[in-house]
Protein backbone atom coordinates (compact mmCIF):
# COMPACT_ATOMS: atom_id res chain seq x y z
CA UNK A 1 4.63 7.04 14.68
CA UNK A 2 1.08 5.71 14.76
CA UNK A 3 -0.13 3.91 11.62
CA UNK A 4 -3.64 2.62 10.88
CA UNK A 5 -3.82 -0.39 8.55
CA UNK A 6 -7.23 -0.88 6.94
CA UNK A 7 -8.22 -4.41 5.91
CA UNK A 8 -11.20 -3.47 3.75
CA UNK A 9 -13.78 -5.90 2.44
CA UNK A 10 -13.94 -3.92 -0.79
CA UNK A 11 -17.30 -3.87 -2.55
CA UNK A 12 -16.85 -4.90 -6.18
CA UNK A 13 -16.71 -1.93 -8.59
CA UNK A 14 -18.72 0.32 -6.23
CA UNK A 15 -16.58 3.39 -5.71
CA UNK A 16 -19.14 5.43 -3.78
CA UNK A 17 -19.75 2.60 -1.29
CA UNK A 18 -16.01 2.14 -0.78
CA UNK A 19 -15.50 5.90 -0.33
CA UNK A 20 -18.04 5.83 2.50
CA UNK A 21 -16.30 2.89 4.16
CA UNK A 22 -12.95 4.61 3.80
CA UNK A 23 -14.23 7.78 5.45
CA UNK A 24 -15.56 5.75 8.38
CA UNK A 25 -12.07 4.35 8.97
CA UNK A 26 -10.36 7.71 8.39
CA UNK A 27 -12.63 9.34 10.95
CA UNK A 28 -11.72 6.66 13.48
CA UNK A 29 -8.00 7.02 12.72
CA UNK A 30 -8.27 10.76 13.30
CA UNK A 31 -10.06 10.19 16.61
CA UNK A 32 -7.28 7.82 17.69
CA UNK A 33 -4.60 10.37 16.72
CA UNK A 34 -3.01 8.25 13.99
CA UNK A 35 -0.37 9.83 11.78
CA UNK A 36 -0.89 7.69 8.67
CA UNK A 37 -3.77 5.57 7.38
CA UNK A 38 -3.14 2.91 4.73
CA UNK A 39 -5.66 1.25 2.39
CA UNK A 40 -5.15 -1.80 0.13
CA UNK A 41 -4.51 -2.01 -3.60
CA UNK A 42 -7.47 -0.78 -5.71
CA UNK A 43 -9.48 -0.06 -2.56
CA UNK A 44 -12.22 1.74 -4.50
CA UNK A 45 -13.16 -1.01 -7.01
CA UNK A 46 -11.45 -4.25 -6.07
CA UNK A 47 -8.93 -5.95 -8.35
CA UNK A 48 -10.96 -5.47 -11.50
CA UNK A 49 -9.76 -5.60 -15.11
CA UNK A 50 -12.91 -3.73 -16.15
CA UNK A 51 -11.30 -0.49 -17.29
CA UNK A 52 -14.68 1.25 -17.65
CA UNK A 53 -15.20 0.89 -13.88
CA UNK A 54 -12.00 2.75 -13.04
CA UNK A 55 -11.54 6.40 -12.28
CA UNK A 56 -9.96 8.95 -14.61
CA UNK A 57 -6.37 9.87 -13.80
CA UNK A 58 -5.23 13.23 -12.35
CA UNK A 59 -8.59 14.99 -11.95
CA UNK A 60 -10.48 11.82 -11.05
CA UNK A 61 -13.08 11.43 -8.34
CA UNK A 62 -11.09 9.00 -6.18
CA UNK A 63 -8.12 11.35 -5.95
CA UNK A 64 -10.42 14.29 -5.13
CA UNK A 65 -12.22 12.31 -2.43
CA UNK A 66 -8.99 11.15 -0.78
CA UNK A 67 -7.49 14.62 -0.95
CA UNK A 68 -10.58 16.08 0.70
CA UNK A 69 -10.62 13.44 3.43
CA UNK A 70 -6.92 13.92 4.17
CA UNK A 71 -7.49 17.65 4.61
CA UNK A 72 -10.77 17.26 6.51
CA UNK A 73 -9.35 14.85 9.09
CA UNK A 74 -5.72 16.03 9.07
CA UNK A 75 -4.24 12.64 8.19
CA UNK A 76 -1.61 11.32 5.80
CA UNK A 77 -3.36 8.81 3.50
CA UNK A 78 -1.77 6.08 1.40
CA UNK A 79 -4.20 4.28 -0.90
CA UNK A 80 -4.23 2.17 -4.04
CA UNK A 81 -6.62 2.68 -6.95
CA UNK A 82 -6.78 2.10 -10.68
CA UNK A 83 -6.93 5.07 -13.04
CA UNK A 84 -7.30 5.48 -16.78
CA UNK A 85 -5.92 8.30 -18.89
CA UNK A 86 -8.18 9.53 -21.71
CA UNK A 87 -6.84 8.47 -25.07
CA UNK A 88 -4.73 5.62 -23.73
CA UNK A 89 -5.65 1.97 -24.12
CA UNK A 90 -4.28 0.77 -20.80
CA UNK A 91 -4.89 2.03 -17.27
CA UNK A 92 -2.47 2.34 -14.34
CA UNK A 93 -2.53 0.56 -10.99
CA UNK A 94 -1.52 3.35 -8.62
CA UNK A 95 -0.48 3.94 -5.04
CA UNK A 96 -0.92 7.60 -4.09
CA UNK A 97 0.22 9.40 -0.95
CA UNK A 98 -1.64 12.45 0.37
CA UNK A 99 -0.30 14.64 3.17
CA UNK A 100 -2.35 16.13 6.01
CA UNK A 101 -3.26 19.10 3.83
CA UNK A 102 -4.59 16.92 1.02
CA UNK A 103 -1.65 17.45 -1.33
CA UNK A 104 -0.27 14.56 -3.37
CA UNK A 105 3.31 13.99 -2.23
CA UNK A 106 3.96 10.74 -4.13
CA UNK A 107 2.42 8.70 -6.92
CA UNK A 108 3.63 5.23 -7.83
CA UNK A 109 2.51 2.97 -10.70
CA UNK A 110 2.84 -0.79 -10.14
CA UNK A 111 6.11 -1.92 -11.71
CA UNK A 112 5.14 -5.55 -12.19
CA UNK A 113 1.59 -6.11 -13.49
CA UNK A 114 0.36 -9.60 -12.57
CA UNK A 115 0.51 -11.38 -15.94
CA UNK A 116 -0.82 -14.62 -14.40
CA UNK A 117 -4.19 -12.80 -14.05
CA UNK A 118 -3.76 -10.91 -17.36
CA UNK A 119 -3.24 -7.59 -15.56
CA UNK A 120 -0.55 -6.71 -18.10
CA UNK A 121 -3.18 -6.70 -20.86
CA UNK A 122 -5.14 -3.92 -19.15
CA UNK A 123 -2.59 -2.02 -17.03
CA UNK A 124 0.71 -0.52 -18.16
CA UNK A 125 3.77 -1.05 -15.98
CA UNK A 126 5.31 1.79 -14.03
CA UNK A 127 8.89 2.76 -14.88
CA UNK A 128 10.37 3.82 -11.55
CA UNK A 129 10.16 3.56 -7.77
CA UNK A 130 9.36 6.49 -5.50
CA UNK A 131 10.85 7.80 -2.27
CA UNK A 132 8.92 10.34 -0.23
CA UNK A 133 8.93 11.82 3.25
CA UNK A 134 5.95 11.31 5.54
CA UNK A 135 6.05 12.87 9.00
CA UNK A 136 9.75 13.47 8.41
CA UNK A 137 10.49 9.80 7.73
CA UNK A 138 11.73 8.62 4.31
CA UNK A 139 9.53 5.90 2.84
CA UNK A 140 8.57 4.08 -0.33
CA UNK A 141 5.56 2.12 -1.56
CA UNK A 142 4.99 -0.93 -3.78
CA UNK A 143 1.92 -2.84 -4.93
CA UNK A 144 1.08 -6.53 -4.44
CA UNK A 145 2.94 -8.62 -7.09
CA UNK A 146 5.92 -6.24 -6.80
CA UNK A 147 6.62 -8.06 -3.52
CA UNK A 148 7.95 -11.06 -5.44
CA UNK A 149 10.76 -8.98 -6.94
CA UNK A 150 13.36 -8.12 -4.28
CA UNK A 151 15.43 -6.09 -6.74
CA UNK A 152 12.73 -3.40 -6.70
CA UNK A 153 13.04 -3.03 -2.93
CA UNK A 154 16.84 -2.96 -3.15
CA UNK A 155 16.60 0.15 -5.34
CA UNK A 156 15.24 2.18 -2.43
CA UNK A 157 16.63 0.29 0.58
CA UNK A 158 19.41 2.68 1.55
CA UNK A 159 17.14 5.73 1.24
CA UNK A 160 14.14 4.66 3.36
CA UNK A 161 13.11 3.52 6.80
CA UNK A 162 9.61 2.32 5.87
CA UNK A 163 8.24 0.48 2.85
CA UNK A 164 4.49 0.15 2.34
CA UNK A 165 3.00 -2.71 0.30
CA UNK A 166 -0.64 -2.39 -0.80
CA UNK A 167 -2.24 -5.64 -1.90
CA UNK A 168 -5.11 -7.79 -3.08
CA UNK A 169 -3.26 -11.01 -2.19
CA UNK A 170 -5.38 -14.20 -2.44
CA UNK A 171 -5.96 -16.42 0.58
CA UNK A 172 -4.60 -19.41 -1.37
CA UNK A 173 -1.10 -17.88 -1.26
CA UNK A 174 -1.20 -16.33 2.19
CA UNK A 175 2.00 -18.08 3.28
CA UNK A 176 3.87 -16.48 0.38
CA UNK A 177 2.52 -13.04 1.35
CA UNK A 178 3.67 -13.29 4.95
CA UNK A 179 7.02 -14.91 4.15
CA UNK A 180 7.91 -12.35 1.49
CA UNK A 181 6.93 -9.36 3.62
CA UNK A 182 9.17 -10.63 6.41
CA UNK A 183 12.03 -11.33 4.00
CA UNK A 184 11.85 -7.82 2.52
CA UNK A 185 12.03 -6.36 6.06
CA UNK A 186 15.02 -8.49 7.08
CA UNK A 187 17.09 -8.05 3.93
CA UNK A 188 16.47 -4.28 3.72
CA UNK A 189 16.61 -3.66 7.48
CA UNK A 190 13.55 -1.45 7.59
CA UNK A 191 9.88 -1.51 8.53
CA UNK A 192 7.69 -3.21 5.94
CA UNK A 193 3.98 -2.41 6.26
CA UNK A 194 1.80 -4.79 4.25
CA UNK A 195 -1.92 -4.00 3.92
CA UNK A 196 -4.19 -6.58 2.30
CA UNK A 197 -7.95 -6.72 1.64
CA UNK A 198 -10.46 -9.27 2.95
CA UNK A 199 -13.66 -10.87 1.65
CA UNK A 200 -14.47 -12.17 -1.84
CA UNK A 201 -14.21 -10.19 -5.06
CA UNK A 202 -16.33 -10.20 -8.20
CA UNK A 203 -14.26 -13.02 -9.68
CA UNK A 204 -14.94 -15.27 -6.70
CA UNK A 205 -11.38 -14.94 -5.33
CA UNK A 206 -11.12 -14.92 -1.53
CA UNK A 207 -8.77 -12.80 0.54
CA UNK A 208 -7.75 -13.34 4.17
CA UNK A 209 -6.25 -10.00 5.14
CA UNK A 210 -3.23 -10.99 7.23
CA UNK A 211 -1.89 -7.44 7.13
CA UNK A 212 1.43 -7.13 8.94
CA UNK A 213 4.06 -4.71 10.11
CA UNK A 214 7.49 -6.32 10.21
CA UNK A 215 10.37 -4.54 11.90
CA UNK A 216 13.96 -4.16 10.65
CA UNK A 217 15.00 -7.41 12.38
CA UNK A 218 12.02 -9.27 10.95
CA UNK A 219 9.93 -9.11 14.13
CA UNK A 220 6.16 -9.26 13.59
CA UNK A 221 5.17 -5.97 15.23
CA UNK A 222 1.47 -6.00 14.28
CA UNK A 223 -0.79 -8.51 12.55
CA UNK A 224 -4.35 -8.57 11.26
CA UNK A 225 -6.89 -11.37 11.16
CA UNK A 226 -9.07 -12.63 8.32
CA UNK A 227 -11.96 -10.15 8.43
CA UNK A 228 -12.39 -6.44 7.75
CA UNK A 229 -10.35 -4.78 10.44
CA UNK A 230 -8.92 -1.51 11.73
CA UNK A 231 -5.37 -2.18 12.97
CA UNK A 232 -3.27 0.40 14.77
CA UNK A 233 0.48 -0.03 15.03
CA UNK A 234 3.00 2.18 16.83
CA UNK A 235 6.50 2.13 15.37
CA UNK A 236 9.72 4.03 15.98
CA UNK A 237 11.47 4.74 12.65
CA UNK A 238 14.67 5.53 14.58
CA UNK A 239 14.93 1.80 15.26
CA UNK A 240 16.03 1.37 11.65
CA UNK A 241 19.06 3.60 12.22
CA UNK A 242 20.00 1.62 15.34
CA UNK A 243 19.71 -1.74 13.61
CA UNK A 244 21.70 -0.61 10.57
CA UNK A 245 24.38 0.82 12.84
CA UNK A 246 24.73 -2.45 14.79
CA UNK A 247 24.56 -4.63 11.68
CA UNK A 248 25.79 -2.56 8.68
CA UNK A 249 24.84 -5.20 6.11
CA UNK A 250 23.54 -2.73 3.52
CA UNK A 251 27.06 -1.34 3.10
CA UNK A 252 28.02 -4.61 1.42
CA UNK A 253 25.40 -4.24 -1.33
CA UNK A 254 26.84 -4.24 -4.86
CA UNK A 255 25.30 -2.99 -8.13
């Protein structure tokens, strides 16, 4: 399976500009025969608490654009974006999965809003994890701060072979990002694909990318640098079955 990880230098609260950048990367991923392309958390606006800058849920522009691009280029797309529902005070921080035909096959709302940055004041927490099938492989997805809560990953561990993590993870805590991604891969014996943004956001916070794909034994299969980058990683999901067969540690999990 060929996965494109996109380390975007997201332009602050400029959805149209970020759509154009996304299409450039999607076009390249299609040319290189990738199966899945993955964008960071809130790729269309940056990590903004400005609810008025976000899209509208369900029939929003961002979802329509991504659906159209998935269908146009024949790619599975996984992307994070914020969305508000009319009549509700708080928005949602979403990760949405589109298949090659542009259909939504999974939608996940961040379970752990980042209270340290007051995200919980503007975004409501999701209530459940998701498991979906992409290219015949069972997978799940989480968002940024969720990474610090291993119990969330344990909920889906037995049912998946890949876990995607979409992030706006600051450069100041890069070591935590890389260490936690690797830990989640080792303890759950699956591929963990972490995609982080680069650049500086509208709050002056800097991001260093450092996107990674860690394998089921914790091996660093692919890694990104500090700048905007298109990273292609080939993985074999069957490796998860082999590792779990040799080392059946998940069988010893208890409620």
